[in-house]
């Protein structure tokens, strides 16, 4: 009798062990299901975000192509130096503003009076502005190999780990490397300079007021008149050159254009890019991208 009870107890223990194992297996399966569900959810979110980004990138590229087509499709003599347009691309929206780089001051071509004039316009003292302009000229000016250069000595004295390039600026961001110019001044100058216009002159039709004010001999009264007259459709644009009274004033554009492309994807996510292109007159490609800066905030809001 006791043996039967013993066998029954062993059977009960075995069943209890099986129940525990089954419960552990169920818990493990539940954990796996939860992990899989989390993975699928995260994957779906990632795919959705990536899809939005891909759509936004495609719309930005469409805006770039449309702008290049509009510009290259016109004779160079009749080509606008600035403008804006909106377009629908599929279910997305594109807004493009374009402006010739001649509206900016070229760091590689501008003479000292314009560089100093820009800094003075931006609040630099009349004593410091020419000194800062000299630093820019010294950075871009070539030098003979082995020749003692005072600007090189200046950088060594400051303990810089590099010397001036003694060649053209490849990008306006390199202005941050020029020693002797306060960073606050560089920050103020950056929105008004370029390295892509390849022009000593400035387009007074499109330039920002600060750039027009930088022209040698420009007075506040003349500046106001130039800004007023250039908005008058009845004024001959060429008259602005005489009004500006500077050999560095022009109404011509450069072959480089700065595009601001703002897009809204079907999901209402927005993105934008600032792109500089060079229009090519020959070859298989109508243009070349010189600079590209993306900005993606993923925000949703009112349509463009």
C-alpha atoms as a PDB file:
ATOM      1  CA  UNK A   1       0.000   0.000   0.000  1.00  0.00           C
ATOM      2  CA  UNK A   2       2.825   2.318   0.890  1.00  0.00           C
ATOM      3  CA  UNK A   3       4.468   1.465  -2.437  1.00  0.00           C
ATOM      4  CA  UNK A   4       1.351   2.585  -4.311  1.00  0.00           C
ATOM      5  CA  UNK A   5       1.318   5.867  -2.421  1.00  0.00           C
ATOM      6  CA  UNK A   6       4.992   6.342  -3.212  1.00  0.00           C
ATOM      7  CA  UNK A   7       4.367   5.724  -6.914  1.00  0.00           C
ATOM      8  CA  UNK A   8       1.434   8.129  -6.857  1.00  0.00           C
ATOM      9  CA  UNK A   9       3.616  10.850  -5.243  1.00  0.00           C
ATOM     10  CA  UNK A  10       6.291  10.330  -7.897  1.00  0.00           C
ATOM     11  CA  UNK A  11       3.643  10.644 -10.616  1.00  0.00           C
ATOM     12  CA  UNK A  12       2.375  13.877  -9.055  1.00  0.00           C
ATOM     13  CA  UNK A  13       5.882  15.280  -8.914  1.00  0.00           C
ATOM     14  CA  UNK A  14       6.369  14.433 -12.584  1.00  0.00           C
ATOM     15  CA  UNK A  15       3.132  16.134 -13.564  1.00  0.00           C
ATOM     16  CA  UNK A  16       4.085  19.218 -11.548  1.00  0.00           C
ATOM     17  CA  UNK A  17       7.425  19.386 -13.318  1.00  0.00           C
ATOM     18  CA  UNK A  18       5.720  19.154 -16.713  1.00  0.00           C
ATOM     19  CA  UNK A  19       3.337  21.973 -15.785  1.00  0.00           C
ATOM     20  CA  UNK A  20       6.244  24.184 -14.759  1.00  0.00           C
ATOM     21  CA  UNK A  21       8.060  23.427 -18.021  1.00  0.00           C
ATOM     22  CA  UNK A  22       4.923  24.210 -20.042  1.00  0.00           C
ATOM     23  CA  UNK A  23       4.446  27.471 -18.176  1.00  0.00           C
ATOM     24  CA  UNK A  24       8.067  28.457 -18.841  1.00  0.00           C
ATOM     25  CA  UNK A  25       7.646  27.622 -22.521  1.00  0.00           C
ATOM     26  CA  UNK A  26       4.475  29.705 -22.715  1.00  0.00           C
ATOM     27  CA  UNK A  27       6.269  32.613 -21.023  1.00  0.00           C
ATOM     28  CA  UNK A  28       9.179  32.288 -23.450  1.00  0.00           C
ATOM     29  CA  UNK A  29       6.812  32.220 -26.437  1.00  0.00           C
ATOM     30  CA  UNK A  30       5.007  35.279 -25.097  1.00  0.00           C
ATOM     31  CA  UNK A  31       8.339  37.090 -24.714  1.00  0.00           C
ATOM     32  CA  UNK A  32       9.336  36.123 -28.250  1.00  0.00           C
ATOM     33  CA  UNK A  33       5.979  37.315 -29.562  1.00  0.00           C
ATOM     34  CA  UNK A  34       6.423  40.623 -27.741  1.00  0.00           C
ATOM     35  CA  UNK A  35       9.955  41.016 -29.136  1.00  0.00           C
ATOM     36  CA  UNK A  36       8.722  40.212 -32.644  1.00  0.00           C
ATOM     37  CA  UNK A  37       5.831  42.671 -32.301  1.00  0.00           C
ATOM     38  CA  UNK A  38       8.230  45.374 -31.104  1.00  0.00           C
ATOM     39  CA  UNK A  39      10.588  44.620 -34.009  1.00  0.00           C
ATOM     40  CA  UNK A  40       7.768  44.764 -36.550  1.00  0.00           C
ATOM     41  CA  UNK A  41       6.464  48.022 -35.084  1.00  0.00           C
ATOM     42  CA  UNK A  42       9.906  49.643 -35.061  1.00  0.00           C
ATOM     43  CA  UNK A  43      10.592  48.382 -38.568  1.00  0.00           C
ATOM     44  CA  UNK A  44       7.302  49.836 -39.787  1.00  0.00           C
ATOM     45  CA  UNK A  45       8.117  53.203 -38.213  1.00  0.00           C
ATOM     46  CA  UNK A  46      11.631  53.146 -39.686  1.00  0.00           C
ATOM     47  CA  UNK A  47      10.296  52.241 -43.124  1.00  0.00           C
ATOM     48  CA  UNK A  48       7.717  55.033 -42.923  1.00  0.00           C
ATOM     49  CA  UNK A  49      10.355  57.604 -41.911  1.00  0.00           C
ATOM     50  CA  UNK A  50      12.736  56.421 -44.624  1.00  0.00           C
ATOM     51  CA  UNK A  51       9.922  56.508 -47.174  1.00  0.00           C
ATOM     52  CA  UNK A  52       9.177  60.121 -46.209  1.00  0.00           C
ATOM     53  CA  UNK A  53      12.828  61.024 -46.549  1.00  0.00           C
ATOM     54  CA  UNK A  54      13.070  59.323 -49.920  1.00  0.00           C
ATOM     55  CA  UNK A  55      10.004  61.184 -51.133  1.00  0.00           C
ATOM     56  CA  UNK A  56      11.420  64.483 -49.858  1.00  0.00           C
ATOM     57  CA  UNK A  57      14.778  63.805 -51.532  1.00  0.00           C
ATOM     58  CA  UNK A  58      13.020  62.993 -54.799  1.00  0.00           C
ATOM     59  CA  UNK A  59      11.033  66.235 -54.601  1.00  0.00           C
ATOM     60  CA  UNK A  60      14.185  68.277 -53.916  1.00  0.00           C
ATOM     61  CA  UNK A  61      15.842  66.689 -56.938  1.00  0.00           C
ATOM     62  CA  UNK A  62      12.754  67.458 -58.995  1.00  0.00           C
ATOM     63  CA  UNK A  63      12.940  71.116 -57.916  1.00  0.00           C
ATOM     64  CA  UNK A  64      16.610  71.226 -58.877  1.00  0.00           C
ATOM     65  CA  UNK A  65      15.912  69.734 -62.308  1.00  0.00           C
ATOM     66  CA  UNK A  66      13.001  72.107 -62.943  1.00  0.00           C
ATOM     67  CA  UNK A  67      15.111  75.151 -62.030  1.00  0.00           C
ATOM     68  CA  UNK A  68      18.021  73.998 -64.201  1.00  0.00           C
ATOM     69  CA  UNK A  69      15.626  73.372 -67.105  1.00  0.00           C
ATOM     70  CA  UNK A  70      14.101  76.847 -66.780  1.00  0.00           C
ATOM     71  CA  UNK A  71      17.498  78.521 -66.699  1.00  0.00           C
ATOM     72  CA  UNK A  72      19.252  76.545 -69.414  1.00  0.00           C
ATOM     73  CA  UNK A  73      16.184  76.687 -71.647  1.00  0.00           C
ATOM     74  CA  UNK A  74      16.654  80.431 -72.190  1.00  0.00           C
ATOM     75  CA  UNK A  75      19.263  82.346 -74.114  1.00  0.00           C
ATOM     76  CA  UNK A  76      22.042  83.526 -71.818  1.00  0.00           C
ATOM     77  CA  UNK A  77      21.376  87.170 -72.675  1.00  0.00           C
ATOM     78  CA  UNK A  78      17.706  86.809 -71.630  1.00  0.00           C
ATOM     79  CA  UNK A  79      18.252  84.487 -68.677  1.00  0.00           C
ATOM     80  CA  UNK A  80      16.798  85.880 -65.425  1.00  0.00           C
ATOM     81  CA  UNK A  81      19.279  86.506 -62.624  1.00  0.00           C
ATOM     82  CA  UNK A  82      16.709  85.730 -59.938  1.00  0.00           C
ATOM     83  CA  UNK A  83      13.206  84.400 -59.571  1.00  0.00           C
ATOM     84  CA  UNK A  84      10.871  81.994 -57.839  1.00  0.00           C
ATOM     85  CA  UNK A  85       8.305  79.389 -58.851  1.00  0.00           C
ATOM     86  CA  UNK A  86       6.056  76.718 -57.360  1.00  0.00           C
ATOM     87  CA  UNK A  87       5.184  73.340 -58.813  1.00  0.00           C
ATOM     88  CA  UNK A  88       3.239  70.198 -58.019  1.00  0.00           C
ATOM     89  CA  UNK A  89       5.173  66.975 -58.470  1.00  0.00           C
ATOM     90  CA  UNK A  90       2.828  64.041 -58.055  1.00  0.00           C
ATOM     91  CA  UNK A  91       1.148  64.509 -54.685  1.00  0.00           C
ATOM     92  CA  UNK A  92       4.019  66.662 -53.396  1.00  0.00           C
ATOM     93  CA  UNK A  93       4.718  70.366 -53.597  1.00  0.00           C
ATOM     94  CA  UNK A  94       7.905  72.154 -54.545  1.00  0.00           C
ATOM     95  CA  UNK A  95       8.877  75.807 -54.083  1.00  0.00           C
ATOM     96  CA  UNK A  96      12.104  77.086 -55.651  1.00  0.00           C
ATOM     97  CA  UNK A  97      13.888  80.421 -55.312  1.00  0.00           C
ATOM     98  CA  UNK A  98      16.945  80.985 -57.492  1.00  0.00           C
ATOM     99  CA  UNK A  99      19.462  83.810 -57.535  1.00  0.00           C
ATOM    100  CA  UNK A 100      22.694  84.346 -59.438  1.00  0.00           C
ATOM    101  CA  UNK A 101      25.820  84.179 -57.280  1.00  0.00           C
ATOM    102  CA  UNK A 102      26.683  87.614 -58.681  1.00  0.00           C
ATOM    103  CA  UNK A 103      24.410  88.909 -55.919  1.00  0.00           C
ATOM    104  CA  UNK A 104      27.146  87.946 -53.448  1.00  0.00           C
ATOM    105  CA  UNK A 105      30.713  89.147 -52.967  1.00  0.00           C
ATOM    106  CA  UNK A 106      33.252  86.665 -54.294  1.00  0.00           C
ATOM    107  CA  UNK A 107      35.996  86.022 -51.744  1.00  0.00           C
ATOM    108  CA  UNK A 108      38.432  85.125 -54.516  1.00  0.00           C
ATOM    109  CA  UNK A 109      37.739  88.060 -56.824  1.00  0.00           C
ATOM    110  CA  UNK A 110      36.522  91.028 -54.776  1.00  0.00           C
ATOM    111  CA  UNK A 111      38.960  93.907 -54.325  1.00  0.00           C
ATOM    112  CA  UNK A 112      39.878  95.124 -50.878  1.00  0.00           C
ATOM    113  CA  UNK A 113      37.472  98.145 -50.828  1.00  0.00           C
ATOM    114  CA  UNK A 114      34.416  95.881 -51.279  1.00  0.00           C
ATOM    115  CA  UNK A 115      35.553  93.383 -48.644  1.00  0.00           C
ATOM    116  CA  UNK A 116      36.273  96.180 -46.186  1.00  0.00           C
ATOM    117  CA  UNK A 117      33.040  97.944 -47.167  1.00  0.00           C
ATOM    118  CA  UNK A 118      30.979  94.845 -46.379  1.00  0.00           C
ATOM    119  CA  UNK A 119      32.519  94.530 -42.951  1.00  0.00           C
ATOM    120  CA  UNK A 120      31.966  98.218 -42.232  1.00  0.00           C
ATOM    121  CA  UNK A 121      28.331  97.840 -43.268  1.00  0.00           C
ATOM    122  CA  UNK A 122      28.032  94.924 -40.843  1.00  0.00           C
ATOM    123  CA  UNK A 123      29.294  96.973 -37.911  1.00  0.00           C
ATOM    124  CA  UNK A 124      33.077  96.565 -38.027  1.00  0.00           C
ATOM    125  CA  UNK A 125      34.980  99.752 -37.252  1.00  0.00           C
ATOM    126  CA  UNK A 126      36.506 101.732 -40.124  1.00  0.00           C
ATOM    127  CA  UNK A 127      39.921 101.043 -38.564  1.00  0.00           C
ATOM    128  CA  UNK A 128      39.551  97.247 -38.311  1.00  0.00           C
ATOM    129  CA  UNK A 129      37.703  96.520 -41.563  1.00  0.00           C
ATOM    130  CA  UNK A 130      40.703  97.147 -43.891  1.00  0.00           C
ATOM    131  CA  UNK A 131      42.904  94.981 -41.657  1.00  0.00           C
ATOM    132  CA  UNK A 132      40.442  92.088 -41.857  1.00  0.00           C
ATOM    133  CA  UNK A 133      40.181  92.554 -45.631  1.00  0.00           C
ATOM    134  CA  UNK A 134      43.972  92.311 -45.869  1.00  0.00           C
ATOM    135  CA  UNK A 135      43.817  88.975 -44.039  1.00  0.00           C
ATOM    136  CA  UNK A 136      41.478  87.638 -46.735  1.00  0.00           C
ATOM    137  CA  UNK A 137      43.690  88.933 -49.532  1.00  0.00           C
ATOM    138  CA  UNK A 138      46.779  87.418 -47.909  1.00  0.00           C
ATOM    139  CA  UNK A 139      45.054  84.035 -47.541  1.00  0.00           C
ATOM    140  CA  UNK A 140      44.165  83.855 -51.242  1.00  0.00           C
ATOM    141  CA  UNK A 141      47.321  85.472 -52.675  1.00  0.00           C
ATOM    142  CA  UNK A 142      49.947  83.187 -54.189  1.00  0.00           C
ATOM    143  CA  UNK A 143      53.536  83.224 -52.985  1.00  0.00           C
ATOM    144  CA  UNK A 144      56.801  81.989 -54.441  1.00  0.00           C
ATOM    145  CA  UNK A 145      58.168  78.703 -53.033  1.00  0.00           C
ATOM    146  CA  UNK A 146      60.758  79.335 -50.360  1.00  0.00           C
ATOM    147  CA  UNK A 147      59.927  83.026 -50.177  1.00  0.00           C
ATOM    148  CA  UNK A 148      59.610  84.566 -46.731  1.00  0.00           C
ATOM    149  CA  UNK A 149      55.994  85.620 -46.314  1.00  0.00           C
ATOM    150  CA  UNK A 150      54.925  87.922 -43.454  1.00  0.00           C
ATOM    151  CA  UNK A 151      51.487  86.294 -43.322  1.00  0.00           C
ATOM    152  CA  UNK A 152      53.066  82.868 -42.770  1.00  0.00           C
ATOM    153  CA  UNK A 153      55.149  84.351 -39.949  1.00  0.00           C
ATOM    154  CA  UNK A 154      51.957  85.846 -38.462  1.00  0.00           C
ATOM    155  CA  UNK A 155      50.307  82.397 -38.353  1.00  0.00           C
ATOM    156  CA  UNK A 156      53.399  80.833 -36.804  1.00  0.00           C
ATOM    157  CA  UNK A 157      53.461  83.555 -34.150  1.00  0.00           C
ATOM    158  CA  UNK A 158      49.855  82.721 -33.285  1.00  0.00           C
ATOM    159  CA  UNK A 159      50.784  79.052 -32.948  1.00  0.00           C
ATOM    160  CA  UNK A 160      48.478  77.956 -35.773  1.00  0.00           C
ATOM    161  CA  UNK A 161      48.864  74.372 -36.984  1.00  0.00           C
ATOM    162  CA  UNK A 162      48.504  75.530 -40.597  1.00  0.00           C
ATOM    163  CA  UNK A 163      49.551  78.364 -42.897  1.00  0.00           C
ATOM    164  CA  UNK A 164      47.462  80.462 -45.312  1.00  0.00           C
ATOM    165  CA  UNK A 165      46.416  78.602 -48.443  1.00  0.00           C
ATOM    166  CA  UNK A 166      47.997  81.147 -50.828  1.00  0.00           C
ATOM    167  CA  UNK A 167      45.413  80.023 -53.379  1.00  0.00           C
ATOM    168  CA  UNK A 168      41.716  80.667 -54.030  1.00  0.00           C
ATOM    169  CA  UNK A 169      39.174  79.745 -51.379  1.00  0.00           C
ATOM    170  CA  UNK A 170      37.607  76.404 -52.454  1.00  0.00           C
ATOM    171  CA  UNK A 171      34.533  77.166 -50.313  1.00  0.00           C
ATOM    172  CA  UNK A 172      33.372  80.193 -48.377  1.00  0.00           C
ATOM    173  CA  UNK A 173      33.420  78.102 -45.165  1.00  0.00           C
ATOM    174  CA  UNK A 174      37.215  78.297 -45.309  1.00  0.00           C
ATOM    175  CA  UNK A 175      36.884  81.907 -44.184  1.00  0.00           C
ATOM    176  CA  UNK A 176      36.613  80.474 -40.662  1.00  0.00           C
ATOM    177  CA  UNK A 177      40.273  79.433 -40.930  1.00  0.00           C
ATOM    178  CA  UNK A 178      41.571  82.916 -41.682  1.00  0.00           C
ATOM    179  CA  UNK A 179      43.350  84.126 -38.540  1.00  0.00           C
ATOM    180  CA  UNK A 180      43.004  87.682 -37.324  1.00  0.00           C
ATOM    181  CA  UNK A 181      39.273  88.015 -38.086  1.00  0.00           C
ATOM    182  CA  UNK A 182      36.977  87.617 -35.067  1.00  0.00           C
ATOM    183  CA  UNK A 183      34.550  84.719 -35.370  1.00  0.00           C
ATOM    184  CA  UNK A 184      31.621  87.087 -34.758  1.00  0.00           C
ATOM    185  CA  UNK A 185      32.635  89.048 -37.854  1.00  0.00           C
ATOM    186  CA  UNK A 186      32.995  85.886 -39.953  1.00  0.00           C
ATOM    187  CA  UNK A 187      29.530  84.798 -38.857  1.00  0.00           C
ATOM    188  CA  UNK A 188      28.043  88.121 -39.998  1.00  0.00           C
ATOM    189  CA  UNK A 189      29.896  88.038 -43.319  1.00  0.00           C
ATOM    190  CA  UNK A 190      29.061  84.467 -44.371  1.00  0.00           C
ATOM    191  CA  UNK A 191      25.511  85.068 -45.742  1.00  0.00           C
ATOM    192  CA  UNK A 192      26.836  87.677 -48.192  1.00  0.00           C
ATOM    193  CA  UNK A 193      29.907  85.994 -49.708  1.00  0.00           C
ATOM    194  CA  UNK A 194      30.586  83.237 -52.214  1.00  0.00           C
ATOM    195  CA  UNK A 195      33.424  81.615 -54.114  1.00  0.00           C
ATOM    196  CA  UNK A 196      31.326  80.670 -57.131  1.00  0.00           C
ATOM    197  CA  UNK A 197      30.493  83.875 -59.022  1.00  0.00           C
ATOM    198  CA  UNK A 198      34.021  84.340 -60.408  1.00  0.00           C
ATOM    199  CA  UNK A 199      33.216  88.056 -60.746  1.00  0.00           C
ATOM    200  CA  UNK A 200      34.757  91.205 -59.299  1.00  0.00           C
ATOM    201  CA  UNK A 201      31.429  92.971 -59.716  1.00  0.00           C
ATOM    202  CA  UNK A 202      28.176  92.736 -57.764  1.00  0.00           C
ATOM    203  CA  UNK A 203      24.692  92.547 -59.273  1.00  0.00           C
ATOM    204  CA  UNK A 204      22.875  95.559 -57.787  1.00  0.00           C
ATOM    205  CA  UNK A 205      19.509  94.223 -58.967  1.00  0.00           C
ATOM    206  CA  UNK A 206      19.633  91.132 -56.772  1.00  0.00           C
ATOM    207  CA  UNK A 207      22.182  91.833 -54.056  1.00  0.00           C
ATOM    208  CA  UNK A 208      21.153  92.228 -50.441  1.00  0.00           C
ATOM    209  CA  UNK A 209      21.140  95.832 -49.194  1.00  0.00           C
ATOM    210  CA  UNK A 210      24.246  95.083 -47.119  1.00  0.00           C
ATOM    211  CA  UNK A 211      26.117  94.034 -50.274  1.00  0.00           C
ATOM    212  CA  UNK A 212      25.009  97.097 -52.260  1.00  0.00           C
ATOM    213  CA  UNK A 213      26.051  99.278 -49.326  1.00  0.00           C
ATOM    214  CA  UNK A 214      29.544  97.727 -49.506  1.00  0.00           C
ATOM    215  CA  UNK A 215      30.227  99.242 -52.945  1.00  0.00           C
ATOM    216  CA  UNK A 216      32.919 101.943 -52.825  1.00  0.00           C
ATOM    217  CA  UNK A 217      31.501 105.459 -52.554  1.00  0.00           C
ATOM    218  CA  UNK A 218      27.987 104.277 -51.669  1.00  0.00           C
ATOM    219  CA  UNK A 219      26.134 106.729 -49.401  1.00  0.00           C
ATOM    220  CA  UNK A 220      22.980 106.022 -47.373  1.00  0.00           C
ATOM    221  CA  UNK A 221      20.985 108.323 -49.666  1.00  0.00           C
ATOM    222  CA  UNK A 222      22.229 106.625 -52.840  1.00  0.00           C
ATOM    223  CA  UNK A 223      21.628 103.211 -51.312  1.00  0.00           C
ATOM    224  CA  UNK A 224      17.988 104.052 -50.605  1.00  0.00           C
ATOM    225  CA  UNK A 225      17.521 105.315 -54.144  1.00  0.00           C
ATOM    226  CA  UNK A 226      19.078 102.201 -55.667  1.00  0.00           C
ATOM    227  CA  UNK A 227      16.873  99.953 -53.539  1.00  0.00           C
ATOM    228  CA  UNK A 228      13.812 101.983 -54.481  1.00  0.00           C
ATOM    229  CA  UNK A 229      14.555 102.211 -58.201  1.00  0.00           C
ATOM    230  CA  UNK A 230      15.335  98.539 -58.665  1.00  0.00           C
ATOM    231  CA  UNK A 231      11.761  97.642 -57.681  1.00  0.00           C
ATOM    232  CA  UNK A 232      10.313  99.990 -60.320  1.00  0.00           C
ATOM    233  CA  UNK A 233       9.464  98.009 -63.489  1.00  0.00           C
ATOM    234  CA  UNK A 234       9.643 101.218 -65.557  1.00  0.00           C
ATOM    235  CA  UNK A 235      13.274 101.911 -64.638  1.00  0.00           C
ATOM    236  CA  UNK A 236      15.992 100.779 -67.046  1.00  0.00           C
ATOM    237  CA  UNK A 237      18.085  98.372 -64.938  1.00  0.00           C
ATOM    238  CA  UNK A 238      21.268  99.685 -66.569  1.00  0.00           C
ATOM    239  CA  UNK A 239      20.631 103.077 -65.008  1.00  0.00           C
ATOM    240  CA  UNK A 240      21.299 101.497 -61.611  1.00  0.00           C
ATOM    241  CA  UNK A 241      24.950 101.042 -62.537  1.00  0.00           C
ATOM    242  CA  UNK A 242      25.411 104.763 -63.074  1.00  0.00           C
ATOM    243  CA  UNK A 243      23.403 105.516 -59.969  1.00  0.00           C
ATOM    244  CA  UNK A 244      25.599 103.203 -57.882  1.00  0.00           C
ATOM    245  CA  UNK A 245      28.597 105.093 -59.233  1.00  0.00           C
ATOM    246  CA  UNK A 246      30.964 102.166 -58.857  1.00  0.00           C
ATOM    247  CA  UNK A 247      32.991 100.176 -61.350  1.00  0.00           C
ATOM    248  CA  UNK A 248      32.107  97.131 -59.263  1.00  0.00           C
ATOM    249  CA  UNK A 249      28.360  97.420 -59.937  1.00  0.00           C
ATOM    250  CA  UNK A 250      26.643  95.365 -62.642  1.00  0.00           C
ATOM    251  CA  UNK A 251      23.244  94.016 -63.648  1.00  0.00           C
ATOM    252  CA  UNK A 252      24.713  90.857 -65.167  1.00  0.00           C
ATOM    253  CA  UNK A 253      24.486  87.465 -63.575  1.00  0.00           C
ATOM    254  CA  UNK A 254      27.054  84.734 -63.218  1.00  0.00           C
ATOM    255  CA  UNK A 255      26.744  81.195 -64.505  1.00  0.00           C
ATOM    256  CA  UNK A 256      26.487  79.976 -60.928  1.00  0.00           C
ATOM    257  CA  UNK A 257      23.079  80.044 -59.262  1.00  0.00           C
ATOM    258  CA  UNK A 258      22.040  79.466 -55.675  1.00  0.00           C
ATOM    259  CA  UNK A 259      18.762  77.554 -55.344  1.00  0.00           C
ATOM    260  CA  UNK A 260      16.620  77.271 -52.244  1.00  0.00           C
ATOM    261  CA  UNK A 261      14.336  74.280 -52.743  1.00  0.00           C
ATOM    262  CA  UNK A 262      11.559  73.769 -50.183  1.00  0.00           C
ATOM    263  CA  UNK A 263       9.331  70.708 -50.515  1.00  0.00           C
ATOM    264  CA  UNK A 264       6.327  69.151 -48.830  1.00  0.00           C
ATOM    265  CA  UNK A 265       5.822  65.402 -49.208  1.00  0.00           C
ATOM    266  CA  UNK A 266       2.328  63.842 -49.426  1.00  0.00           C
ATOM    267  CA  UNK A 267       2.607  63.025 -45.707  1.00  0.00           C
ATOM    268  CA  UNK A 268       3.057  66.811 -45.082  1.00  0.00           C
ATOM    269  CA  UNK A 269       6.623  66.315 -43.955  1.00  0.00           C
ATOM    270  CA  UNK A 270       8.796  69.182 -45.098  1.00  0.00           C
ATOM    271  CA  UNK A 271      12.377  69.390 -46.201  1.00  0.00           C
ATOM    272  CA  UNK A 272      14.585  71.959 -47.867  1.00  0.00           C
ATOM    273  CA  UNK A 273      17.990  72.282 -49.473  1.00  0.00           C
ATOM    274  CA  UNK A 274      20.300  75.085 -50.526  1.00  0.00           C
ATOM    275  CA  UNK A 275      22.089  74.108 -53.713  1.00  0.00           C
ATOM    276  CA  UNK A 276      24.606  76.000 -55.839  1.00  0.00           C
ATOM    277  CA  UNK A 277      24.821  74.917 -59.470  1.00  0.00           C
ATOM    278  CA  UNK A 278      26.990  75.975 -62.386  1.00  0.00           C
ATOM    279  CA  UNK A 279      25.243  76.174 -65.748  1.00  0.00           C
ATOM    280  CA  UNK A 280      27.286  74.538 -68.491  1.00  0.00           C
ATOM    281  CA  UNK A 281      27.134  75.722 -72.066  1.00  0.00           C
ATOM    282  CA  UNK A 282      28.515  72.538 -73.573  1.00  0.00           C
ATOM    283  CA  UNK A 283      28.897  68.853 -72.818  1.00  0.00           C
ATOM    284  CA  UNK A 284      26.407  66.147 -71.958  1.00  0.00           C
ATOM    285  CA  UNK A 285      25.344  67.670 -68.621  1.00  0.00           C
ATOM    286  CA  UNK A 286      23.439  70.988 -68.529  1.00  0.00           C
ATOM    287  CA  UNK A 287      24.735  71.858 -65.071  1.00  0.00           C
ATOM    288  CA  UNK A 288      27.116  70.846 -62.313  1.00  0.00           C
ATOM    289  CA  UNK A 289      26.376  70.856 -58.579  1.00  0.00           C
ATOM    290  CA  UNK A 290      28.943  72.966 -56.717  1.00  0.00           C
ATOM    291  CA  UNK A 291      27.457  72.891 -53.221  1.00  0.00           C
ATOM    292  CA  UNK A 292      24.553  71.127 -51.528  1.00  0.00           C
ATOM    293  CA  UNK A 293      23.225  71.584 -48.001  1.00  0.00           C
ATOM    294  CA  UNK A 294      20.176  69.640 -46.802  1.00  0.00           C
ATOM    295  CA  UNK A 295      17.853  70.625 -44.001  1.00  0.00           C
ATOM    296  CA  UNK A 296      15.227  68.101 -42.863  1.00  0.00           C
ATOM    297  CA  UNK A 297      13.010  68.838 -39.902  1.00  0.00           C
ATOM    298  CA  UNK A 298      10.191  66.383 -40.497  1.00  0.00           C
ATOM    299  CA  UNK A 299       7.678  68.982 -39.408  1.00  0.00           C
ATOM    300  CA  UNK A 300       4.099  68.984 -40.581  1.00  0.00           C
ATOM    301  CA  UNK A 301       2.203  72.171 -41.073  1.00  0.00           C
ATOM    302  CA  UNK A 302       0.404  74.312 -43.582  1.00  0.00           C
ATOM    303  CA  UNK A 303       0.899  73.431 -47.241  1.00  0.00           C
ATOM    304  CA  UNK A 304       3.505  75.324 -49.206  1.00  0.00           C
END
